[in-house]
N, C-alpha and C. Protein backbone atom coordinates (compact mmCIF):
# COMPACT_ATOMS: atom_id res chain seq x y z
N MET A 1 0.84 -1.18 0.00
CA MET A 1 0.00 0.00 0.00
C MET A 1 0.88 1.24 0.00
N ASN A 2 0.56 2.19 -0.83
CA ASN A 2 1.28 3.45 -0.91
C ASN A 2 0.78 4.37 0.20
N ILE A 3 1.63 4.68 1.18
CA ILE A 3 1.24 5.49 2.34
C ILE A 3 0.81 6.89 1.91
N SER A 4 1.44 7.46 0.90
CA SER A 4 1.10 8.82 0.49
C SER A 4 -0.23 8.87 -0.27
N ASN A 5 -0.73 7.73 -0.70
CA ASN A 5 -2.00 7.67 -1.42
C ASN A 5 -2.78 6.44 -0.97
N PRO A 6 -3.29 6.47 0.29
CA PRO A 6 -3.99 5.28 0.80
C PRO A 6 -5.29 5.05 0.07
N PRO A 7 -5.78 3.80 0.04
CA PRO A 7 -7.07 3.52 -0.58
C PRO A 7 -8.17 4.33 0.11
N ARG A 8 -9.17 4.72 -0.67
CA ARG A 8 -10.27 5.52 -0.13
C ARG A 8 -11.60 4.84 -0.39
N ALA A 9 -12.59 5.24 0.40
CA ALA A 9 -13.93 4.67 0.26
C ALA A 9 -14.95 5.71 0.73
N GLN A 10 -16.21 5.44 0.41
CA GLN A 10 -17.30 6.29 0.86
C GLN A 10 -18.12 5.53 1.89
N LEU A 11 -18.45 6.21 2.98
CA LEU A 11 -19.26 5.62 4.04
C LEU A 11 -20.71 5.57 3.60
N LEU A 12 -21.33 4.38 3.69
CA LEU A 12 -22.68 4.17 3.18
C LEU A 12 -23.76 4.14 4.25
N VAL A 13 -23.38 4.03 5.52
CA VAL A 13 -24.36 3.87 6.61
C VAL A 13 -24.00 4.74 7.80
N LYS A 14 -24.98 4.92 8.69
CA LYS A 14 -24.72 5.57 9.97
C LYS A 14 -24.07 4.55 10.89
N LEU A 15 -22.95 4.92 11.51
CA LEU A 15 -22.24 3.99 12.38
C LEU A 15 -22.70 4.13 13.83
N PRO A 16 -22.77 3.01 14.56
CA PRO A 16 -23.09 3.09 15.97
C PRO A 16 -21.94 3.75 16.75
N THR A 17 -22.30 4.44 17.81
CA THR A 17 -21.33 5.20 18.62
C THR A 17 -20.16 4.35 19.10
N GLU A 18 -20.40 3.09 19.40
CA GLU A 18 -19.32 2.26 19.95
C GLU A 18 -18.27 1.89 18.91
N ARG A 19 -18.47 2.23 17.63
CA ARG A 19 -17.50 1.88 16.61
C ARG A 19 -16.73 3.07 16.05
N PHE A 20 -16.79 4.23 16.68
CA PHE A 20 -15.95 5.34 16.23
C PHE A 20 -15.44 6.16 17.40
N ILE A 21 -14.33 6.87 17.14
CA ILE A 21 -13.71 7.77 18.11
C ILE A 21 -13.45 9.09 17.39
N VAL A 22 -13.90 10.19 17.98
CA VAL A 22 -13.61 11.51 17.42
C VAL A 22 -12.17 11.83 17.79
N GLU A 23 -11.34 12.11 16.78
CA GLU A 23 -9.89 12.22 16.95
C GLU A 23 -9.38 13.57 17.45
N ILE A 24 -9.98 14.66 17.03
CA ILE A 24 -9.41 15.98 17.32
C ILE A 24 -10.49 16.91 17.87
N PRO A 25 -10.06 17.96 18.61
CA PRO A 25 -11.03 18.98 18.99
C PRO A 25 -11.64 19.56 17.71
N GLY A 26 -12.94 19.68 17.68
CA GLY A 26 -13.60 20.14 16.47
C GLY A 26 -13.91 19.02 15.50
N GLY A 27 -13.49 17.78 15.84
CA GLY A 27 -13.83 16.63 15.02
C GLY A 27 -15.33 16.39 15.11
N ARG A 28 -15.80 15.40 14.39
CA ARG A 28 -17.23 15.14 14.39
C ARG A 28 -17.52 13.67 14.19
N LYS A 29 -18.79 13.33 14.39
CA LYS A 29 -19.25 11.96 14.18
C LYS A 29 -19.22 11.63 12.68
N PRO A 30 -19.09 10.35 12.35
CA PRO A 30 -19.17 9.93 10.95
C PRO A 30 -20.53 10.27 10.35
N ARG A 31 -20.53 10.60 9.07
CA ARG A 31 -21.76 10.89 8.34
C ARG A 31 -21.82 10.05 7.07
N ILE A 32 -23.01 9.63 6.71
CA ILE A 32 -23.18 8.92 5.46
C ILE A 32 -22.65 9.81 4.33
N GLY A 33 -21.86 9.23 3.44
CA GLY A 33 -21.28 9.98 2.33
C GLY A 33 -19.86 10.46 2.57
N ASP A 34 -19.37 10.38 3.83
CA ASP A 34 -17.99 10.79 4.11
C ASP A 34 -17.02 9.98 3.26
N ILE A 35 -15.96 10.63 2.84
CA ILE A 35 -14.86 9.96 2.15
C ILE A 35 -13.81 9.64 3.21
N VAL A 36 -13.49 8.37 3.33
CA VAL A 36 -12.56 7.91 4.36
C VAL A 36 -11.36 7.21 3.73
N GLU A 37 -10.28 7.16 4.50
CA GLU A 37 -9.07 6.43 4.07
C GLU A 37 -9.04 5.11 4.81
N LEU A 38 -8.72 4.05 4.06
CA LEU A 38 -8.66 2.70 4.62
C LEU A 38 -7.31 2.45 5.24
N ASP A 39 -7.31 1.77 6.38
CA ASP A 39 -6.06 1.43 7.03
C ASP A 39 -5.89 -0.08 7.03
N GLN A 40 -6.39 -0.77 8.03
CA GLN A 40 -6.20 -2.21 8.10
C GLN A 40 -7.53 -2.94 8.00
N SER A 41 -7.46 -4.16 7.53
CA SER A 41 -8.66 -4.99 7.50
C SER A 41 -8.42 -6.20 8.39
N TYR A 42 -9.50 -6.75 8.91
CA TYR A 42 -9.41 -7.87 9.83
C TYR A 42 -10.79 -8.54 9.91
N THR A 43 -10.83 -9.66 10.58
CA THR A 43 -12.08 -10.36 10.82
C THR A 43 -12.60 -9.94 12.18
N GLY A 44 -13.84 -9.47 12.22
CA GLY A 44 -14.46 -9.05 13.48
C GLY A 44 -14.80 -10.23 14.36
N ARG A 45 -15.21 -9.95 15.58
CA ARG A 45 -15.57 -11.00 16.54
C ARG A 45 -16.72 -11.87 16.02
N ASP A 46 -17.55 -11.28 15.16
CA ASP A 46 -18.69 -12.03 14.61
C ASP A 46 -18.33 -12.81 13.35
N GLY A 47 -17.04 -12.79 12.97
CA GLY A 47 -16.58 -13.54 11.80
C GLY A 47 -16.71 -12.79 10.49
N LYS A 48 -17.23 -11.56 10.52
CA LYS A 48 -17.40 -10.76 9.30
C LYS A 48 -16.17 -9.88 9.07
N GLN A 49 -15.92 -9.58 7.79
CA GLN A 49 -14.78 -8.76 7.40
C GLN A 49 -15.01 -7.30 7.81
N MET A 50 -14.02 -6.73 8.52
CA MET A 50 -14.09 -5.34 9.00
C MET A 50 -12.80 -4.62 8.63
N GLY A 51 -12.80 -3.31 8.87
CA GLY A 51 -11.60 -2.53 8.65
C GLY A 51 -11.61 -1.27 9.49
N THR A 52 -10.44 -0.69 9.66
CA THR A 52 -10.29 0.60 10.33
C THR A 52 -10.20 1.67 9.26
N VAL A 53 -10.94 2.76 9.44
CA VAL A 53 -10.91 3.88 8.50
C VAL A 53 -10.68 5.18 9.28
N TYR A 54 -10.18 6.18 8.57
CA TYR A 54 -9.95 7.51 9.13
C TYR A 54 -10.58 8.53 8.18
N CYS A 55 -11.11 9.61 8.75
CA CYS A 55 -11.67 10.68 7.93
C CYS A 55 -10.72 11.88 8.03
N PRO A 56 -9.85 12.07 7.05
CA PRO A 56 -8.82 13.10 7.12
C PRO A 56 -9.35 14.49 6.78
N THR A 57 -8.65 15.49 7.29
CA THR A 57 -8.90 16.88 6.91
C THR A 57 -7.77 17.34 6.01
N GLU A 58 -7.92 18.49 5.41
CA GLU A 58 -6.85 19.02 4.55
C GLU A 58 -5.59 19.33 5.35
N SER A 59 -5.74 19.60 6.65
CA SER A 59 -4.58 19.91 7.48
C SER A 59 -3.82 18.66 7.91
N GLY A 60 -4.37 17.48 7.57
CA GLY A 60 -3.68 16.23 7.89
C GLY A 60 -4.16 15.56 9.16
N ASN A 61 -5.06 16.20 9.90
CA ASN A 61 -5.64 15.57 11.09
C ASN A 61 -6.81 14.70 10.67
N ASP A 62 -7.26 13.86 11.56
CA ASP A 62 -8.41 13.00 11.29
C ASP A 62 -9.60 13.46 12.11
N LEU A 63 -10.76 13.62 11.47
CA LEU A 63 -11.97 13.99 12.20
C LEU A 63 -12.41 12.87 13.13
N TYR A 64 -12.21 11.63 12.67
CA TYR A 64 -12.55 10.47 13.49
C TYR A 64 -11.85 9.24 12.96
N GLN A 65 -11.83 8.22 13.80
CA GLN A 65 -11.37 6.88 13.44
C GLN A 65 -12.57 5.97 13.66
N ALA A 66 -12.79 5.02 12.77
CA ALA A 66 -13.94 4.15 12.90
C ALA A 66 -13.62 2.72 12.47
N GLU A 67 -14.41 1.80 13.01
CA GLU A 67 -14.39 0.41 12.56
C GLU A 67 -15.63 0.21 11.71
N VAL A 68 -15.44 -0.31 10.51
CA VAL A 68 -16.56 -0.50 9.59
C VAL A 68 -16.56 -1.93 9.06
N TYR A 69 -17.76 -2.41 8.75
CA TYR A 69 -17.87 -3.66 8.03
C TYR A 69 -17.65 -3.39 6.55
N GLU A 70 -17.14 -4.37 5.86
CA GLU A 70 -16.88 -4.25 4.42
C GLU A 70 -18.14 -3.81 3.66
N THR A 71 -19.30 -4.20 4.12
CA THR A 71 -20.57 -3.86 3.46
C THR A 71 -21.03 -2.43 3.74
N GLU A 72 -20.34 -1.73 4.64
CA GLU A 72 -20.74 -0.38 5.04
C GLU A 72 -19.99 0.71 4.27
N ILE A 73 -19.10 0.30 3.38
CA ILE A 73 -18.32 1.26 2.59
C ILE A 73 -18.31 0.86 1.12
N LYS A 74 -18.09 1.84 0.28
CA LYS A 74 -17.89 1.60 -1.15
C LYS A 74 -16.45 2.00 -1.45
N ILE A 75 -15.62 1.04 -1.79
CA ILE A 75 -14.19 1.28 -2.03
C ILE A 75 -14.02 1.84 -3.44
N PHE A 76 -13.22 2.89 -3.55
CA PHE A 76 -12.93 3.50 -4.85
C PHE A 76 -11.76 2.80 -5.51
N ASP A 77 -11.79 2.70 -6.82
CA ASP A 77 -10.64 2.20 -7.56
C ASP A 77 -9.60 3.30 -7.58
N ASN A 78 -8.34 2.95 -7.29
CA ASN A 78 -7.26 3.96 -7.31
C ASN A 78 -6.66 4.07 -8.67
């Protein structure tokens, strides 16, 4: 994976509070339609494919970090 150009995706659903963390002062909750950067993928406790995503700002900070199911995002072709 190219660190300077990580894979991106669009958030398709509202995430439950227990699956995201607001990263910075002034950050916000995830919203449907957000463009997020993909980090790692793994198998969740329920056996379904999940991943960690970040919602970056132009300043390089992240509005939030979230855990998403593969079905909750639309991955863009790079």
